[in-house]
Amino acid sequence: TAAGPHFNPYSMLQQDLLKINMLIMSCLGTLHGPREADLGNRHVGDLGNLTANDNGIIIIELTDSIIDLYNATRSVANRT
C-alpha cells in the first residue's frame, strides 16, 4: 500500500541542483538516494523501504543526519 508522496521540503534547491549538475544528474536520473546519502543526493523523505510482518507490525531503529523532529523545514513529525 502506498502512503503517498514522500517528504521533500527542498524541492527548489534540488531543481537548482539539477540545472547546475545536468551531466551528473542525467547519469543518476533523480535526486532520490539511499538514507546514507547527503542532502544534495537524496530527499529528506528517502528513508528506504519498510516491510511489515504478518501482523502488520514494523519495528525499526533509525539514525539519520538529515531528518529532524523539531526543525520546521526538515521535521518528519506527522508525515507519511
PDB file of N, CA and C in Angstrom:
ATOM      1  N   THR A   1       0.843  -1.180   0.000  1.00  0.00           N
ATOM      2  CA  THR A   1       0.000   0.000   0.000  1.00  0.00           C
ATOM      3  C   THR A   1       0.884   1.238   0.000  1.00  0.00           C
ATOM      4  N   ALA A   2       0.561   2.194  -0.821  1.00  0.00           N
ATOM      5  CA  ALA A   2       1.335   3.428  -0.899  1.00  0.00           C
ATOM      6  C   ALA A   2       0.792   4.456   0.083  1.00  0.00           C
ATOM      7  N   ALA A   3       1.679   5.166   0.725  1.00  0.00           N
ATOM      8  CA  ALA A   3       1.295   6.205   1.686  1.00  0.00           C
ATOM      9  C   ALA A   3       1.223   7.578   1.039  1.00  0.00           C
ATOM     10  N   GLY A   4       1.528   7.674  -0.237  1.00  0.00           N
ATOM     11  CA  GLY A   4       1.509   8.964  -0.921  1.00  0.00           C
ATOM     12  C   GLY A   4       2.918   9.484  -1.115  1.00  0.00           C
ATOM     13  N   PRO A   5       3.045  10.718  -1.615  1.00  0.00           N
ATOM     14  CA  PRO A   5       4.364  11.280  -1.888  1.00  0.00           C
ATOM     15  C   PRO A   5       5.198  11.391  -0.614  1.00  0.00           C
ATOM     16  N   HIS A   6       6.499  11.226  -0.763  1.00  0.00           N
ATOM     17  CA  HIS A   6       7.356  11.355   0.411  1.00  0.00           C
ATOM     18  C   HIS A   6       7.760  12.811   0.626  1.00  0.00           C
ATOM     19  N   PHE A   7       8.308  13.069   1.759  1.00  0.00           N
ATOM     20  CA  PHE A   7       8.630  14.417   2.224  1.00  0.00           C
ATOM     21  C   PHE A   7       9.841  14.963   1.483  1.00  0.00           C
ATOM     22  N   ASN A   8       9.691  16.102   0.818  1.00  0.00           N
ATOM     23  CA  ASN A   8      10.768  16.716   0.042  1.00  0.00           C
ATOM     24  C   ASN A   8      10.702  18.237   0.185  1.00  0.00           C
ATOM     25  N   PRO A   9      11.065  18.785   1.353  1.00  0.00           N
ATOM     26  CA  PRO A   9      10.923  20.222   1.577  1.00  0.00           C
ATOM     27  C   PRO A   9      11.894  21.085   0.785  1.00  0.00           C
ATOM     28  N   TYR A  10      12.922  20.504   0.181  1.00  0.00           N
ATOM     29  CA  TYR A  10      13.925  21.280  -0.546  1.00  0.00           C
ATOM     30  C   TYR A  10      13.759  21.153  -2.050  1.00  0.00           C
ATOM     31  N   SER A  11      12.545  21.024  -2.527  1.00  0.00           N
ATOM     32  CA  SER A  11      12.347  20.790  -3.955  1.00  0.00           C
ATOM     33  C   SER A  11      12.964  21.896  -4.808  1.00  0.00           C
ATOM     34  N   MET A  12      12.896  23.137  -4.395  1.00  0.00           N
ATOM     35  CA  MET A  12      13.504  24.211  -5.180  1.00  0.00           C
ATOM     36  C   MET A  12      15.014  24.055  -5.218  1.00  0.00           C
ATOM     37  N   LEU A  13      15.632  23.734  -4.100  1.00  0.00           N
ATOM     38  CA  LEU A  13      17.071  23.511  -4.064  1.00  0.00           C
ATOM     39  C   LEU A  13      17.449  22.382  -5.010  1.00  0.00           C
ATOM     40  N   GLN A  14      16.687  21.323  -4.987  1.00  0.00           N
ATOM     41  CA  GLN A  14      17.012  20.187  -5.828  1.00  0.00           C
ATOM     42  C   GLN A  14      16.797  20.509  -7.298  1.00  0.00           C
ATOM     43  N   GLN A  15      15.804  21.339  -7.628  1.00  0.00           N
ATOM     44  CA  GLN A  15      15.628  21.766  -9.010  1.00  0.00           C
ATOM     45  C   GLN A  15      16.831  22.576  -9.461  1.00  0.00           C
ATOM     46  N   ASP A  16      17.346  23.438  -8.594  1.00  0.00           N
ATOM     47  CA  ASP A  16      18.542  24.210  -8.919  1.00  0.00           C
ATOM     48  C   ASP A  16      19.742  23.298  -9.115  1.00  0.00           C
ATOM     49  N   LEU A  17      19.879  22.291  -8.259  1.00  0.00           N
ATOM     50  CA  LEU A  17      20.983  21.349  -8.413  1.00  0.00           C
ATOM     51  C   LEU A  17      20.890  20.601  -9.733  1.00  0.00           C
ATOM     52  N   LEU A  18      19.686  20.276 -10.144  1.00  0.00           N
ATOM     53  CA  LEU A  18      19.520  19.599 -11.429  1.00  0.00           C
ATOM     54  C   LEU A  18      20.016  20.468 -12.576  1.00  0.00           C
ATOM     55  N   LYS A  19      19.715  21.755 -12.522  1.00  0.00           N
ATOM     56  CA  LYS A  19      20.151  22.669 -13.574  1.00  0.00           C
ATOM     57  C   LYS A  19      21.670  22.798 -13.585  1.00  0.00           C
ATOM     58  N   ILE A  20      22.270  22.896 -12.421  1.00  0.00           N
ATOM     59  CA  ILE A  20      23.713  23.094 -12.310  1.00  0.00           C
ATOM     60  C   ILE A  20      24.484  21.828 -12.665  1.00  0.00           C
ATOM     61  N   ASN A  21      23.959  20.682 -12.271  1.00  0.00           N
ATOM     62  CA  ASN A  21      24.681  19.411 -12.432  1.00  0.00           C
ATOM     63  C   ASN A  21      23.999  18.500 -13.438  1.00  0.00           C
ATOM     64  N   MET A  22      23.643  19.007 -14.612  1.00  0.00           N
ATOM     65  CA  MET A  22      22.889  18.220 -15.582  1.00  0.00           C
ATOM     66  C   MET A  22      23.605  16.930 -15.973  1.00  0.00           C
ATOM     67  N   LEU A  23      24.896  16.971 -16.157  1.00  0.00           N
ATOM     68  CA  LEU A  23      25.616  15.770 -16.561  1.00  0.00           C
ATOM     69  C   LEU A  23      25.559  14.701 -15.475  1.00  0.00           C
ATOM     70  N   ILE A  24      25.834  15.113 -14.252  1.00  0.00           N
ATOM     71  CA  ILE A  24      25.804  14.169 -13.134  1.00  0.00           C
ATOM     72  C   ILE A  24      24.396  13.639 -12.932  1.00  0.00           C
ATOM     73  N   MET A  25      23.416  14.534 -12.924  1.00  0.00           N
ATOM     74  CA  MET A  25      22.046  14.123 -12.660  1.00  0.00           C
ATOM     75  C   MET A  25      21.488  13.265 -13.787  1.00  0.00           C
ATOM     76  N   SER A  26      21.939  13.496 -15.020  1.00  0.00           N
ATOM     77  CA  SER A  26      21.440  12.662 -16.112  1.00  0.00           C
ATOM     78  C   SER A  26      21.913  11.228 -15.944  1.00  0.00           C
ATOM     79  N   CYS A  27      23.059  11.053 -15.327  1.00  0.00           N
ATOM     80  CA  CYS A  27      23.536   9.698 -15.037  1.00  0.00           C
ATOM     81  C   CYS A  27      22.728   9.063 -13.908  1.00  0.00           C
ATOM     82  N   LEU A  28      22.391   9.861 -12.908  1.00  0.00           N
ATOM     83  CA  LEU A  28      21.635   9.341 -11.768  1.00  0.00           C
ATOM     84  C   LEU A  28      20.147   9.235 -12.074  1.00  0.00           C
ATOM     85  N   GLY A  29      19.637  10.143 -12.893  1.00  0.00           N
ATOM     86  CA  GLY A  29      18.238  10.133 -13.252  1.00  0.00           C
ATOM     87  C   GLY A  29      17.320  10.768 -12.219  1.00  0.00           C
ATOM     88  N   THR A  30      17.788  11.004 -11.025  1.00  0.00           N
ATOM     89  CA  THR A  30      16.952  11.548  -9.964  1.00  0.00           C
ATOM     90  C   THR A  30      17.826  11.972  -8.802  1.00  0.00           C
ATOM     91  N   LEU A  31      17.236  12.693  -7.869  1.00  0.00           N
ATOM     92  CA  LEU A  31      17.938  13.022  -6.639  1.00  0.00           C
ATOM     93  C   LEU A  31      17.498  12.120  -5.498  1.00  0.00           C
ATOM     94  N   HIS A  32      16.786  11.052  -5.837  1.00  0.00           N
ATOM     95  CA  HIS A  32      16.473  10.070  -4.802  1.00  0.00           C
ATOM     96  C   HIS A  32      17.753   9.325  -4.483  1.00  0.00           C
ATOM     97  N   GLY A  33      17.934   8.996  -3.252  1.00  0.00           N
ATOM     98  CA  GLY A  33      19.130   8.273  -2.879  1.00  0.00           C
ATOM     99  C   GLY A  33      18.926   7.490  -1.602  1.00  0.00           C
ATOM    100  N   PRO A  34      19.933   6.738  -1.226  1.00  0.00           N
ATOM    101  CA  PRO A  34      19.835   5.942  -0.005  1.00  0.00           C
ATOM    102  C   PRO A  34      19.873   6.826   1.231  1.00  0.00           C
ATOM    103  N   ARG A  35      19.423   6.299   2.333  1.00  0.00           N
ATOM    104  CA  ARG A  35      19.390   7.032   3.597  1.00  0.00           C
ATOM    105  C   ARG A  35      20.772   7.553   3.976  1.00  0.00           C
ATOM    106  N   GLU A  36      21.832   6.898   3.542  1.00  0.00           N
ATOM    107  CA  GLU A  36      23.195   7.294   3.906  1.00  0.00           C
ATOM    108  C   GLU A  36      23.701   8.483   3.100  1.00  0.00           C
ATOM    109  N   ALA A  37      23.005   8.874   2.023  1.00  0.00           N
ATOM    110  CA  ALA A  37      23.464   9.964   1.154  1.00  0.00           C
ATOM    111  C   ALA A  37      23.265  11.321   1.828  1.00  0.00           C
ATOM    112  N   ASP A  38      24.052  12.320   1.380  1.00  0.00           N
ATOM    113  CA  ASP A  38      23.880  13.669   1.916  1.00  0.00           C
ATOM    114  C   ASP A  38      22.689  14.349   1.243  1.00  0.00           C
ATOM    115  N   LEU A  39      22.325  15.535   1.719  1.00  0.00           N
ATOM    116  CA  LEU A  39      21.126  16.219   1.250  1.00  0.00           C
ATOM    117  C   LEU A  39      21.179  16.552  -0.236  1.00  0.00           C
ATOM    118  N   GLY A  40      22.349  16.735  -0.802  1.00  0.00           N
ATOM    119  CA  GLY A  40      22.454  17.008  -2.233  1.00  0.00           C
ATOM    120  C   GLY A  40      22.153  15.811  -3.102  1.00  0.00           C
ATOM    121  N   ASN A  41      22.086  14.623  -2.498  1.00  0.00           N
ATOM    122  CA  ASN A  41      21.899  13.398  -3.266  1.00  0.00           C
ATOM    123  C   ASN A  41      20.707  12.572  -2.821  1.00  0.00           C
ATOM    124  N   ARG A  42      19.797  13.178  -2.062  1.00  0.00           N
ATOM    125  CA  ARG A  42      18.584  12.476  -1.641  1.00  0.00           C
ATOM    126  C   ARG A  42      17.555  13.470  -1.141  1.00  0.00           C
ATOM    127  N   HIS A  43      16.318  13.061  -1.124  1.00  0.00           N
ATOM    128  CA  HIS A  43      15.252  13.839  -0.499  1.00  0.00           C
ATOM    129  C   HIS A  43      15.257  13.539   0.988  1.00  0.00           C
ATOM    130  N   VAL A  44      14.738  14.461   1.782  1.00  0.00           N
ATOM    131  CA  VAL A  44      14.634  14.216   3.216  1.00  0.00           C
ATOM    132  C   VAL A  44      13.818  12.951   3.460  1.00  0.00           C
ATOM    133  N   GLY A  45      12.817  12.717   2.630  1.00  0.00           N
ATOM    134  CA  GLY A  45      11.937  11.565   2.809  1.00  0.00           C
ATOM    135  C   GLY A  45      12.465  10.251   2.287  1.00  0.00           C
ATOM    136  N   ASP A  46      13.656  10.216   1.725  1.00  0.00           N
ATOM    137  CA  ASP A  46      14.226   8.959   1.233  1.00  0.00           C
ATOM    138  C   ASP A  46      14.788   8.161   2.396  1.00  0.00           C
ATOM    139  N   LEU A  47      13.968   7.332   2.980  1.00  0.00           N
ATOM    140  CA  LEU A  47      14.380   6.567   4.157  1.00  0.00           C
ATOM    141  C   LEU A  47      14.472   5.076   3.885  1.00  0.00           C
ATOM    142  N   GLY A  48      14.303   4.671   2.656  1.00  0.00           N
ATOM    143  CA  GLY A  48      14.337   3.252   2.346  1.00  0.00           C
ATOM    144  C   GLY A  48      12.965   2.626   2.523  1.00  0.00           C
ATOM    145  N   ASN A  49      12.869   1.361   2.177  1.00  0.00           N
ATOM    146  CA  ASN A  49      11.600   0.654   2.269  1.00  0.00           C
ATOM    147  C   ASN A  49      11.495  -0.086   3.584  1.00  0.00           C
ATOM    148  N   LEU A  50      10.276  -0.215   4.070  1.00  0.00           N
ATOM    149  CA  LEU A  50       9.987  -0.976   5.276  1.00  0.00           C
ATOM    150  C   LEU A  50       9.054  -2.113   4.901  1.00  0.00           C
ATOM    151  N   THR A  51       9.210  -3.241   5.547  1.00  0.00           N
ATOM    152  CA  THR A  51       8.334  -4.381   5.312  1.00  0.00           C
ATOM    153  C   THR A  51       7.713  -4.798   6.627  1.00  0.00           C
ATOM    154  N   ALA A  52       6.394  -4.883   6.641  1.00  0.00           N
ATOM    155  CA  ALA A  52       5.683  -5.292   7.851  1.00  0.00           C
ATOM    156  C   ALA A  52       5.692  -6.812   7.976  1.00  0.00           C
ATOM    157  N   ASN A  53       5.591  -7.291   9.214  1.00  0.00           N
ATOM    158  CA  ASN A  53       5.480  -8.733   9.424  1.00  0.00           C
ATOM    159  C   ASN A  53       4.048  -9.179   9.136  1.00  0.00           C
ATOM    160  N   ASP A  54       3.747 -10.446   9.356  1.00  0.00           N
ATOM    161  CA  ASP A  54       2.415 -10.977   9.057  1.00  0.00           C
ATOM    162  C   ASP A  54       1.306 -10.304   9.859  1.00  0.00           C
ATOM    163  N   ASN A  55       1.653  -9.689  10.970  1.00  0.00           N
ATOM    164  CA  ASN A  55       0.671  -8.985  11.797  1.00  0.00           C
ATOM    165  C   ASN A  55       0.576  -7.502  11.449  1.00  0.00           C
ATOM    166  N   GLY A  56       1.309  -7.062  10.419  1.00  0.00           N
ATOM    167  CA  GLY A  56       1.277  -5.667  10.010  1.00  0.00           C
ATOM    168  C   GLY A  56       2.133  -4.752  10.863  1.00  0.00           C
ATOM    169  N   ILE A  57       3.055  -5.328  11.611  1.00  0.00           N
ATOM    170  CA  ILE A  57       3.889  -4.549  12.527  1.00  0.00           C
ATOM    171  C   ILE A  57       5.273  -4.343  11.929  1.00  0.00           C
ATOM    172  N   ILE A  58       5.769  -3.112  12.049  1.00  0.00           N
ATOM    173  CA  ILE A  58       7.118  -2.767  11.610  1.00  0.00           C
ATOM    174  C   ILE A  58       7.877  -2.251  12.823  1.00  0.00           C
ATOM    175  N   ILE A  59       9.050  -2.798  13.056  1.00  0.00           N
ATOM    176  CA  ILE A  59       9.925  -2.307  14.119  1.00  0.00           C
ATOM    177  C   ILE A  59      11.198  -1.825  13.444  1.00  0.00           C
ATOM    178  N   ILE A  60      11.557  -0.574  13.705  1.00  0.00           N
ATOM    179  CA  ILE A  60      12.744  -0.009  13.064  1.00  0.00           C
ATOM    180  C   ILE A  60      13.483   0.877  14.055  1.00  0.00           C
ATOM    181  N   GLU A  61      14.797   0.807  14.003  1.00  0.00           N
ATOM    182  CA  GLU A  61      15.650   1.740  14.732  1.00  0.00           C
ATOM    183  C   GLU A  61      16.442   2.478  13.672  1.00  0.00           C
ATOM    184  N   LEU A  62      16.399   3.803  13.683  1.00  0.00           N
ATOM    185  CA  LEU A  62      16.937   4.589  12.589  1.00  0.00           C
ATOM    186  C   LEU A  62      17.687   5.799  13.113  1.00  0.00           C
ATOM    187  N   THR A  63      18.893   6.000  12.604  1.00  0.00           N
ATOM    188  CA  THR A  63      19.657   7.212  12.870  1.00  0.00           C
ATOM    189  C   THR A  63      19.871   7.898  11.531  1.00  0.00           C
ATOM    190  N   ASP A  64      19.580   9.193  11.456  1.00  0.00           N
ATOM    191  CA  ASP A  64      19.684   9.912  10.198  1.00  0.00           C
ATOM    192  C   ASP A  64      20.245  11.301  10.465  1.00  0.00           C
ATOM    193  N   SER A  65      21.142  11.773   9.598  1.00  0.00           N
ATOM    194  CA  SER A  65      21.782  13.075   9.806  1.00  0.00           C
ATOM    195  C   SER A  65      21.005  14.228   9.174  1.00  0.00           C
ATOM    196  N   ILE A  66      19.925  13.949   8.440  1.00  0.00           N
ATOM    197  CA  ILE A  66      19.187  14.999   7.746  1.00  0.00           C
ATOM    198  C   ILE A  66      17.817  15.243   8.360  1.00  0.00           C
ATOM    199  N   ILE A  67      17.056  14.183   8.623  1.00  0.00           N
ATOM    200  CA  ILE A  67      15.705  14.392   9.150  1.00  0.00           C
ATOM    201  C   ILE A  67      15.757  14.948  10.561  1.00  0.00           C
ATOM    202  N   ASP A  68      14.679  15.576  10.954  1.00  0.00           N
ATOM    203  CA  ASP A  68      14.621  16.238  12.252  1.00  0.00           C
ATOM    204  C   ASP A  68      13.193  16.179  12.762  1.00  0.00           C
ATOM    205  N   LEU A  69      13.017  16.182  14.049  1.00  0.00           N
ATOM    206  CA  LEU A  69      11.675  16.228  14.629  1.00  0.00           C
ATOM    207  C   LEU A  69      11.251  17.646  14.972  1.00  0.00           C
ATOM    208  N   TYR A  70      12.201  18.569  15.071  1.00  0.00           N
ATOM    209  CA  TYR A  70      11.895  19.910  15.551  1.00  0.00           C
ATOM    210  C   TYR A  70      12.169  21.011  14.539  1.00  0.00           C
ATOM    211  N   ASN A  71      13.034  20.792  13.572  1.00  0.00           N
ATOM    212  CA  ASN A  71      13.339  21.790  12.552  1.00  0.00           C
ATOM    213  C   ASN A  71      12.124  21.953  11.641  1.00  0.00           C
ATOM    214  N   ALA A  72      11.625  23.166  11.492  1.00  0.00           N
ATOM    215  CA  ALA A  72      10.390  23.387  10.733  1.00  0.00           C
ATOM    216  C   ALA A  72      10.485  22.891   9.295  1.00  0.00           C
ATOM    217  N   THR A  73      11.639  23.025   8.664  1.00  0.00           N
ATOM    218  CA  THR A  73      11.786  22.613   7.273  1.00  0.00           C
ATOM    219  C   THR A  73      11.984  21.118   7.130  1.00  0.00           C
ATOM    220  N   ARG A  74      12.738  20.509   8.037  1.00  0.00           N
ATOM    221  CA  ARG A  74      13.090  19.094   7.900  1.00  0.00           C
ATOM    222  C   ARG A  74      12.323  18.180   8.840  1.00  0.00           C
ATOM    223  N   SER A  75      11.332  18.690   9.534  1.00  0.00           N
ATOM    224  CA  SER A  75      10.612  17.868  10.505  1.00  0.00           C
ATOM    225  C   SER A  75       9.813  16.777   9.807  1.00  0.00           C
ATOM    226  N   VAL A  76       9.938  15.555  10.279  1.00  0.00           N
ATOM    227  CA  VAL A  76       9.177  14.439   9.728  1.00  0.00           C
ATOM    228  C   VAL A  76       8.007  14.064  10.628  1.00  0.00           C
ATOM    229  N   ALA A  77       7.810  14.811  11.686  1.00  0.00           N
ATOM    230  CA  ALA A  77       6.694  14.525  12.589  1.00  0.00           C
ATOM    231  C   ALA A  77       5.364  14.709  11.859  1.00  0.00           C
ATOM    232  N   ASN A  78       4.455  13.788  12.051  1.00  0.00           N
ATOM    233  CA  ASN A  78       3.107  13.814  11.465  1.00  0.00           C
ATOM    234  C   ASN A  78       3.102  13.775   9.945  1.00  0.00           C
ATOM    235  N   ARG A  79       4.057  13.091   9.355  1.00  0.00           N
ATOM    236  CA  ARG A  79       4.105  12.924   7.897  1.00  0.00           C
ATOM    237  C   ARG A  79       4.091  11.446   7.564  1.00  0.00           C
ATOM    238  N   THR A  80       3.659  11.126   6.325  1.00  0.00           N
ATOM    239  CA  THR A  80       3.669   9.735   5.887  1.00  0.00           C
ATOM    240  C   THR A  80       4.877   9.479   5.039  1.00  0.00           C
TER     241      THR A  80
END
